[in-house]
N, C-alpha and C. Protein backbone atom coordinates (compact mmCIF):
# COMPACT_ATOMS: atom_id res chain seq x y z
N MET A 1 -4.99 57.25 19.05
CA MET A 1 -4.14 56.29 19.97
C MET A 1 -3.38 56.88 20.93
N THR A 2 -2.61 56.51 21.63
CA THR A 2 -1.60 57.18 22.44
C THR A 2 -0.61 56.43 21.93
N PHE A 3 0.87 56.97 22.42
CA PHE A 3 2.00 56.24 22.15
C PHE A 3 1.74 54.71 22.97
N GLN A 4 1.46 54.93 23.89
CA GLN A 4 1.72 54.08 24.81
C GLN A 4 1.07 52.57 24.25
N LYS A 5 -0.22 53.29 23.89
CA LYS A 5 -1.11 51.84 23.14
C LYS A 5 -0.63 51.39 22.02
N TRP A 6 0.07 52.08 20.99
CA TRP A 6 1.18 52.21 19.65
C TRP A 6 2.29 50.84 19.92
N LEU A 7 2.75 51.29 21.20
CA LEU A 7 3.75 50.92 21.36
C LEU A 7 3.16 49.22 21.82
N ARG A 8 2.50 49.44 22.64
CA ARG A 8 1.66 47.84 23.48
C ARG A 8 1.33 47.08 21.65
N ALA A 9 0.81 47.73 20.83
CA ALA A 9 0.39 46.62 19.91
C ALA A 9 1.85 46.23 19.28
N PHE A 10 2.22 47.10 18.77
CA PHE A 10 3.67 47.30 18.37
C PHE A 10 4.52 45.77 18.80
N TYR A 11 4.69 46.01 20.21
CA TYR A 11 5.26 45.25 20.95
C TYR A 11 4.61 42.86 20.55
N LEU A 12 3.23 43.43 20.95
CA LEU A 12 2.46 42.33 20.54
C LEU A 12 2.78 41.71 19.59
N CYS A 13 3.12 42.50 18.06
CA CYS A 13 2.65 42.17 16.95
C CYS A 13 4.30 41.75 16.47
N VAL A 14 5.55 42.19 17.41
CA VAL A 14 6.70 41.53 16.59
C VAL A 14 6.74 40.04 17.63
N THR A 15 6.28 40.33 18.85
CA THR A 15 6.17 39.12 19.72
C THR A 15 5.67 37.99 18.87
N LEU A 16 4.24 37.81 18.36
CA LEU A 16 3.53 37.52 17.27
C LEU A 16 4.85 36.36 16.27
N MET A 17 5.12 37.54 15.54
CA MET A 17 6.26 37.59 14.83
C MET A 17 7.03 36.40 14.83
N CYS A 18 7.29 36.59 16.32
CA CYS A 18 9.01 35.94 16.39
C CYS A 18 8.05 34.49 17.01
N TRP A 19 7.29 34.12 17.21
CA TRP A 19 6.30 32.98 17.46
C TRP A 19 6.40 32.53 16.55
N THR A 20 5.71 33.33 15.85
CA THR A 20 5.37 32.46 14.35
C THR A 20 6.72 31.92 13.80
N ALA A 21 7.72 32.73 13.45
CA ALA A 21 8.86 31.93 13.09
C ALA A 21 9.34 31.57 13.73
N PHE A 22 9.70 30.98 15.11
CA PHE A 22 10.32 30.22 16.44
C PHE A 22 9.46 28.58 15.43
N ALA A 23 8.37 28.72 15.59
CA ALA A 23 7.19 27.82 15.26
C ALA A 23 7.06 27.13 13.75
N LYS A 24 7.74 27.55 12.94
CA LYS A 24 7.84 26.93 12.17
C LYS A 24 8.99 26.27 11.68
N ASP A 25 10.10 26.61 12.36
CA ASP A 25 11.17 26.35 12.18
C ASP A 25 11.03 25.40 13.27
N LYS A 26 10.67 24.62 14.02
CA LYS A 26 10.59 23.50 15.37
C LYS A 26 9.35 22.82 14.54
N ALA A 27 8.64 23.12 13.34
CA ALA A 27 7.65 22.40 12.88
C ALA A 27 8.31 21.25 12.35
N LYS A 28 7.60 20.15 12.44
CA LYS A 28 7.67 18.62 11.33
C LYS A 28 7.83 19.10 9.87
N PRO A 29 9.12 18.34 9.41
CA PRO A 29 8.32 18.61 7.81
C PRO A 29 7.54 18.01 7.78
N VAL A 30 6.85 18.40 6.72
CA VAL A 30 5.71 17.83 5.59
C VAL A 30 6.27 16.53 4.87
N GLU A 31 5.67 16.06 5.12
CA GLU A 31 5.96 14.37 3.83
C GLU A 31 5.15 15.28 2.33
N GLN A 32 6.40 14.65 1.71
CA GLN A 32 5.41 15.27 0.32
C GLN A 32 5.66 14.21 -0.44
N LYS A 33 4.08 14.03 -0.92
CA LYS A 33 3.82 12.79 -2.19
C LYS A 33 4.50 12.97 -3.53
N PRO A 34 5.09 12.28 -3.73
CA PRO A 34 5.86 11.90 -5.06
C PRO A 34 5.43 12.93 -6.19
N THR A 35 6.40 13.75 -6.97
CA THR A 35 5.83 14.34 -8.42
C THR A 35 5.30 13.92 -9.00
N VAL A 36 6.73 12.50 -9.31
CA VAL A 36 6.57 12.04 -10.43
C VAL A 36 6.74 10.59 -10.14
N THR A 37 6.13 9.87 -10.79
CA THR A 37 6.21 8.01 -10.13
C THR A 37 7.02 7.48 -12.10
N VAL A 38 7.95 7.00 -11.36
CA VAL A 38 8.64 6.50 -12.91
C VAL A 38 8.91 5.05 -12.86
N TRP A 39 8.89 4.09 -14.20
CA TRP A 39 8.82 3.33 -13.98
C TRP A 39 10.34 2.97 -14.64
N THR A 40 11.48 1.75 -14.12
CA THR A 40 12.26 1.25 -15.03
C THR A 40 12.25 -0.42 -15.12
N ALA A 41 13.56 -0.42 -16.20
CA ALA A 41 13.44 -1.57 -15.97
C ALA A 41 14.79 -2.24 -15.33
N GLY A 42 15.61 -1.40 -15.20
CA GLY A 42 17.09 -1.18 -14.73
C GLY A 42 17.12 -0.86 -13.25
N SER A 43 18.16 -0.15 -12.68
CA SER A 43 18.66 0.09 -11.44
C SER A 43 17.78 1.43 -10.92
N ILE A 44 17.10 1.44 -9.60
CA ILE A 44 16.23 2.21 -9.11
C ILE A 44 17.07 3.54 -9.22
N ASP A 45 18.56 3.04 -7.99
CA ASP A 45 19.59 4.21 -8.56
C ASP A 45 20.31 4.95 -9.64
N SER A 46 19.73 4.27 -10.61
CA SER A 46 20.31 4.87 -11.98
C SER A 46 19.45 5.83 -12.47
N ALA A 47 18.05 5.34 -12.35
CA ALA A 47 16.61 5.81 -12.62
C ALA A 47 16.80 7.13 -11.50
N LYS A 48 16.95 7.18 -10.39
CA LYS A 48 16.95 8.40 -9.58
C LYS A 48 18.55 9.45 -10.07
N ALA A 49 19.12 9.11 -10.04
CA ALA A 49 19.89 10.41 -10.44
C ALA A 49 19.85 10.57 -11.98
N MET A 50 19.20 10.05 -12.71
CA MET A 50 18.78 10.88 -13.80
C MET A 50 18.22 12.36 -13.77
N PHE A 51 17.22 12.32 -12.31
CA PHE A 51 16.46 13.23 -11.88
C PHE A 51 17.35 14.45 -10.96
N ALA A 52 16.95 15.58 -10.20
CA ALA A 52 18.24 16.60 -9.73
C ALA A 52 17.65 15.95 -8.46
N PRO A 53 19.07 15.58 -7.33
CA PRO A 53 19.03 14.99 -5.88
C PRO A 53 17.92 15.18 -5.30
N ASN A 54 17.14 16.99 -5.17
CA ASN A 54 16.16 17.53 -4.77
C ASN A 54 14.96 16.99 -5.30
N THR A 55 14.48 16.34 -6.12
CA THR A 55 13.08 16.45 -6.72
C THR A 55 12.69 15.00 -6.18
N ASN A 56 11.37 15.49 -6.11
CA ASN A 56 10.73 14.61 -5.33
C ASN A 56 10.02 13.01 -6.22
N VAL A 57 10.80 12.17 -6.79
CA VAL A 57 10.21 11.18 -7.56
C VAL A 57 10.41 9.85 -6.83
N ARG A 58 9.53 9.42 -7.16
CA ARG A 58 9.13 7.60 -6.48
C ARG A 58 9.33 6.96 -7.78
N VAL A 59 10.74 6.10 -8.15
CA VAL A 59 11.00 5.34 -8.59
C VAL A 59 10.35 3.68 -8.98
N LEU A 60 9.57 2.99 -9.38
CA LEU A 60 8.98 1.68 -9.31
C LEU A 60 9.91 0.91 -10.52
N SER A 61 10.05 -0.38 -10.12
CA SER A 61 10.69 -1.34 -10.56
C SER A 61 9.73 -2.76 -10.70
N ALA A 62 9.77 -3.19 -11.69
CA ALA A 62 8.50 -4.40 -11.78
C ALA A 62 9.25 -5.42 -10.92
N ALA A 63 10.79 -5.57 -10.94
CA ALA A 63 11.10 -6.58 -9.87
C ALA A 63 11.00 -6.74 -8.14
N THR A 64 11.44 -4.79 -7.98
CA THR A 64 10.61 -5.00 -6.61
C THR A 64 9.56 -4.60 -6.90
N GLU A 65 8.07 -4.69 -7.37
CA GLU A 65 7.39 -4.58 -7.49
C GLU A 65 6.69 -5.95 -7.31
N LYS A 66 7.40 -6.92 -7.78
CA LYS A 66 7.09 -8.44 -7.66
C LYS A 66 7.33 -8.91 -6.36
N GLN A 67 8.60 -8.74 -5.72
CA GLN A 67 8.72 -8.90 -4.50
C GLN A 67 7.80 -8.28 -3.50
N ARG A 68 7.25 -7.19 -3.53
CA ARG A 68 6.35 -6.63 -2.61
C ARG A 68 5.12 -7.46 -2.82
N GLU A 69 4.73 -7.89 -4.19
CA GLU A 69 3.56 -8.70 -4.44
C GLU A 69 3.71 -10.22 -3.92
N LEU A 70 4.75 -10.54 -3.81
CA LEU A 70 4.91 -12.14 -3.23
C LEU A 70 5.39 -12.08 -1.67
N LYS A 71 5.46 -10.91 -1.22
CA LYS A 71 5.60 -11.34 0.06
C LYS A 71 4.13 -11.02 1.35
N ALA A 72 3.57 -9.98 -0.11
CA ALA A 72 2.09 -9.76 0.69
C ALA A 72 0.87 -10.79 0.13
N GLY A 73 1.31 -12.10 -0.24
CA GLY A 73 0.95 -13.08 -1.06
C GLY A 73 0.44 -13.50 -1.44
N TYR A 74 0.18 -12.62 -2.82
CA TYR A 74 -0.38 -12.68 -3.53
C TYR A 74 0.34 -13.49 -4.97
N LEU A 75 -0.50 -14.16 -5.44
CA LEU A 75 0.24 -15.41 -6.20
C LEU A 75 -0.61 -14.63 -7.92
N PRO A 76 0.33 -14.85 -8.82
CA PRO A 76 0.25 -14.19 -10.50
C PRO A 76 -0.69 -15.66 -10.93
N PRO A 77 -1.73 -15.40 -11.46
CA PRO A 77 -2.87 -15.64 -12.01
C PRO A 77 -2.76 -17.36 -12.43
N HIS A 78 -1.50 -17.38 -13.30
CA HIS A 78 -1.04 -18.62 -13.75
C HIS A 78 -0.80 -19.38 -12.35
N GLU A 79 -0.10 -19.24 -11.31
CA GLU A 79 0.57 -19.70 -10.16
C GLU A 79 -1.07 -19.93 -9.22
N ARG A 80 -1.95 -18.96 -9.55
CA ARG A 80 -3.48 -19.29 -8.56
C ARG A 80 -4.22 -19.84 -9.43
N ASP A 81 -4.13 -20.44 -10.63
CA ASP A 81 -4.89 -21.48 -11.20
C ASP A 81 -4.47 -22.82 -10.69
N LEU A 82 -2.75 -22.82 -10.80
CA LEU A 82 -2.58 -24.34 -10.70
C LEU A 82 -2.95 -24.78 -9.20
N LEU A 83 -3.08 -23.56 -8.01
CA LEU A 83 -3.35 -24.13 -7.04
C LEU A 83 -4.50 -24.22 -6.94
N PHE A 84 -5.57 -23.90 -7.61
CA PHE A 84 -6.77 -24.22 -7.97
C PHE A 84 -6.68 -25.61 -7.94
N ARG A 85 -6.27 -26.25 -9.77
CA ARG A 85 -6.58 -27.31 -10.07
C ARG A 85 -5.88 -28.42 -8.94
N LYS A 86 -4.77 -27.65 -8.22
CA LYS A 86 -4.22 -28.85 -7.56
C LYS A 86 -4.73 -29.05 -6.43
N ILE A 87 -5.61 -28.33 -5.34
CA ILE A 87 -6.93 -28.50 -4.79
C ILE A 87 -8.09 -28.77 -5.23
N GLY A 88 -8.40 -28.94 -6.74
CA GLY A 88 -9.75 -29.37 -7.05
C GLY A 88 -10.78 -28.79 -6.91
N ILE A 89 -10.81 -26.97 -6.81
CA ILE A 89 -12.08 -26.25 -6.77
C ILE A 89 -12.17 -25.27 -8.29
N GLU A 90 -11.29 -25.75 -9.42
CA GLU A 90 -11.18 -24.85 -10.77
C GLU A 90 -12.75 -25.31 -11.11
N THR A 91 -13.94 -25.75 -10.91
CA THR A 91 -14.89 -26.20 -11.08
C THR A 91 -15.63 -24.75 -10.44
N GLY A 92 -15.78 -25.20 -9.10
CA GLY A 92 -16.23 -23.74 -8.36
C GLY A 92 -16.06 -22.44 -8.56
N VAL A 93 -14.72 -22.05 -9.27
CA VAL A 93 -14.74 -20.93 -9.19
C VAL A 93 -14.67 -20.13 -10.55
N SER A 94 -14.99 -21.32 -11.41
CA SER A 94 -15.11 -21.14 -12.74
C SER A 94 -16.23 -19.56 -13.10
N GLY A 95 -16.80 -19.88 -12.65
CA GLY A 95 -17.83 -18.07 -12.46
C GLY A 95 -17.58 -17.37 -12.05
N MET A 96 -16.23 -17.29 -11.67
CA MET A 96 -15.41 -15.78 -10.92
C MET A 96 -14.61 -15.11 -11.93
N ASP A 97 -14.61 -14.32 -11.46
CA ASP A 97 -13.57 -13.18 -12.48
C ASP A 97 -12.37 -13.32 -11.80
N GLU A 98 -11.54 -12.43 -12.91
CA GLU A 98 -10.15 -12.09 -11.75
C GLU A 98 -10.18 -11.53 -10.92
N PHE A 99 -10.38 -10.30 -10.57
CA PHE A 99 -10.62 -9.72 -9.29
C PHE A 99 -10.96 -10.70 -8.01
N ASP A 100 -12.21 -11.44 -8.44
CA ASP A 100 -12.60 -11.99 -7.22
C ASP A 100 -11.98 -13.41 -6.48
N LYS A 101 -11.32 -14.17 -7.61
CA LYS A 101 -10.27 -14.90 -7.75
C LYS A 101 -9.31 -14.99 -7.00
N ASP A 102 -9.08 -13.00 -6.70
CA ASP A 102 -7.91 -12.54 -6.19
C ASP A 102 -8.57 -12.78 -4.60
N VAL A 103 -9.60 -12.00 -4.36
CA VAL A 103 -9.94 -11.67 -3.40
C VAL A 103 -10.15 -13.27 -2.64
N LEU A 104 -10.64 -14.20 -3.41
CA LEU A 104 -10.98 -15.51 -2.17
C LEU A 104 -9.25 -15.85 -2.10
N MET A 105 -8.20 -15.80 -2.67
CA MET A 105 -7.09 -15.93 -2.06
C MET A 105 -6.43 -15.27 -1.26
N MET A 106 -7.08 -14.24 -1.10
CA MET A 106 -5.91 -12.98 -0.05
C MET A 106 -7.10 -12.89 1.57
N SER A 107 -8.65 -13.38 0.96
CA SER A 107 -9.16 -13.92 1.96
C SER A 107 -8.81 -15.26 2.98
N ALA A 108 -8.40 -16.33 1.87
CA ALA A 108 -8.04 -17.56 2.39
C ALA A 108 -7.01 -17.40 3.93
N ARG A 109 -6.06 -16.33 3.26
CA ARG A 109 -4.87 -16.07 4.00
C ARG A 109 -5.03 -15.72 5.41
N GLU A 110 -6.44 -14.94 5.11
CA GLU A 110 -6.33 -13.88 6.64
C GLU A 110 -7.95 -14.09 7.58
N TYR A 111 -8.85 -15.23 6.62
CA TYR A 111 -9.98 -14.90 7.43
C TYR A 111 -10.28 -16.73 7.75
N THR A 112 -11.30 -16.51 9.06
CA THR A 112 -11.82 -17.72 9.80
C THR A 112 -12.18 -18.84 8.30
N LEU A 113 -12.69 -19.53 9.02
CA LEU A 113 -12.72 -20.67 8.09
C LEU A 113 -14.54 -20.34 8.32
N ARG A 114 -15.26 -20.25 9.13
CA ARG A 114 -16.29 -19.84 9.62
C ARG A 114 -16.94 -18.35 8.23
N GLU A 115 -15.61 -17.34 7.72
CA GLU A 115 -16.70 -16.25 7.39
C GLU A 115 -16.25 -16.31 6.03
N LEU A 116 -14.81 -17.94 5.58
CA LEU A 116 -14.87 -17.74 4.34
C LEU A 116 -15.98 -18.74 4.01
N VAL A 117 -16.71 -19.64 4.42
CA VAL A 117 -17.71 -19.68 3.88
C VAL A 117 -18.85 -19.57 3.52
N SER A 118 -19.29 -18.23 4.89
CA SER A 118 -20.32 -17.89 4.32
C SER A 118 -19.58 -16.27 3.45
N ASP A 119 -18.71 -16.72 2.51
CA ASP A 119 -18.73 -14.93 1.47
C ASP A 119 -18.37 -16.21 0.53
N PHE A 120 -18.55 -17.14 0.76
CA PHE A 120 -17.32 -18.28 -0.66
C PHE A 120 -18.75 -19.59 -0.60
N PRO A 121 -20.17 -19.56 -0.51
CA PRO A 121 -21.07 -20.56 -0.27
C PRO A 121 -20.64 -21.65 -1.95
N MET A 122 -19.90 -21.01 -2.86
CA MET A 122 -20.04 -21.72 -3.88
C MET A 122 -18.91 -22.91 -3.52
N LEU A 123 -18.43 -23.19 -2.89
CA LEU A 123 -17.45 -24.05 -2.15
C LEU A 123 -17.48 -25.08 -0.73
N SER A 124 -16.83 -25.66 -0.82
CA SER A 124 -17.25 -27.20 0.41
C SER A 124 -16.26 -26.27 1.21
N GLU A 125 -17.01 -26.37 2.69
CA GLU A 125 -16.03 -26.68 3.64
C GLU A 125 -14.53 -27.21 3.49
N ALA A 126 -14.61 -28.24 3.08
CA ALA A 126 -13.21 -28.90 2.68
C ALA A 126 -12.41 -28.27 1.92
N GLN A 127 -13.25 -27.80 1.00
CA GLN A 127 -13.03 -27.01 -0.22
C GLN A 127 -11.76 -25.79 0.39
N LEU A 128 -12.65 -25.14 0.80
CA LEU A 128 -12.18 -23.95 1.55
C LEU A 128 -10.76 -23.78 2.73
N LYS A 129 -11.29 -25.20 3.29
CA LYS A 129 -10.04 -25.13 4.44
C LYS A 129 -9.02 -26.01 3.78
N ARG A 130 -8.79 -26.56 2.82
CA ARG A 130 -7.75 -26.93 2.12
C ARG A 130 -6.98 -25.81 1.52
N LEU A 131 -7.70 -24.82 0.95
CA LEU A 131 -7.38 -23.57 0.22
C LEU A 131 -6.44 -22.81 0.82
N ARG A 132 -6.87 -22.72 2.45
CA ARG A 132 -6.38 -21.89 3.66
C ARG A 132 -5.24 -22.33 3.78
N ASP A 133 -5.15 -23.70 4.57
CA ASP A 133 -3.68 -24.47 4.31
C ASP A 133 -2.88 -23.84 3.65
N GLU A 134 -3.11 -24.26 2.33
CA GLU A 134 -1.79 -23.77 1.03
C GLU A 134 -1.46 -22.21 1.26
N MET A 135 -2.56 -21.53 1.30
CA MET A 135 -2.36 -19.85 1.58
C MET A 135 -2.07 -19.49 2.50
N ARG A 136 -1.61 -20.27 4.03
CA ARG A 136 -1.05 -20.19 4.84
C ARG A 136 0.38 -20.23 4.43
N LYS A 137 0.39 -21.17 3.60
CA LYS A 137 2.27 -21.82 3.28
C LYS A 137 2.69 -20.55 2.32
N VAL A 138 1.99 -20.27 1.62
CA VAL A 138 2.40 -18.79 0.86
C VAL A 138 2.82 -18.01 1.95
N LYS A 139 4.70 -17.22 1.62
CA LYS A 139 5.11 -16.85 2.02
C LYS A 139 6.00 -16.05 0.87
């Protein structure tokens, strides 16, 4: 290899390394998934303070999770069963398990009446309409 070819190859390598380093500096930081998930009964800030500030920790609390579920329209089982009794569909859903009842509740919020009738044939259209109207009030 002649000196000129060696110098050209060296120049290309240095240029490539510089561009690589520059690209790494300008790259967006990758969002890391939490390495630890911690449940707390107290303050989230106090739980985070127990760990190093740079530690990738997700702290969950029962209160914030309950608020998130209520905001999404999820009703706890006892409230869901009260609503079923109020509407008069407790006998129609008695054969369903807990998950299917939750699916019914969330579907009633989002789906059209036609979709509900086809997905839940054990309930009448009038019952599904009442359920849909009640679930759309929940916020």
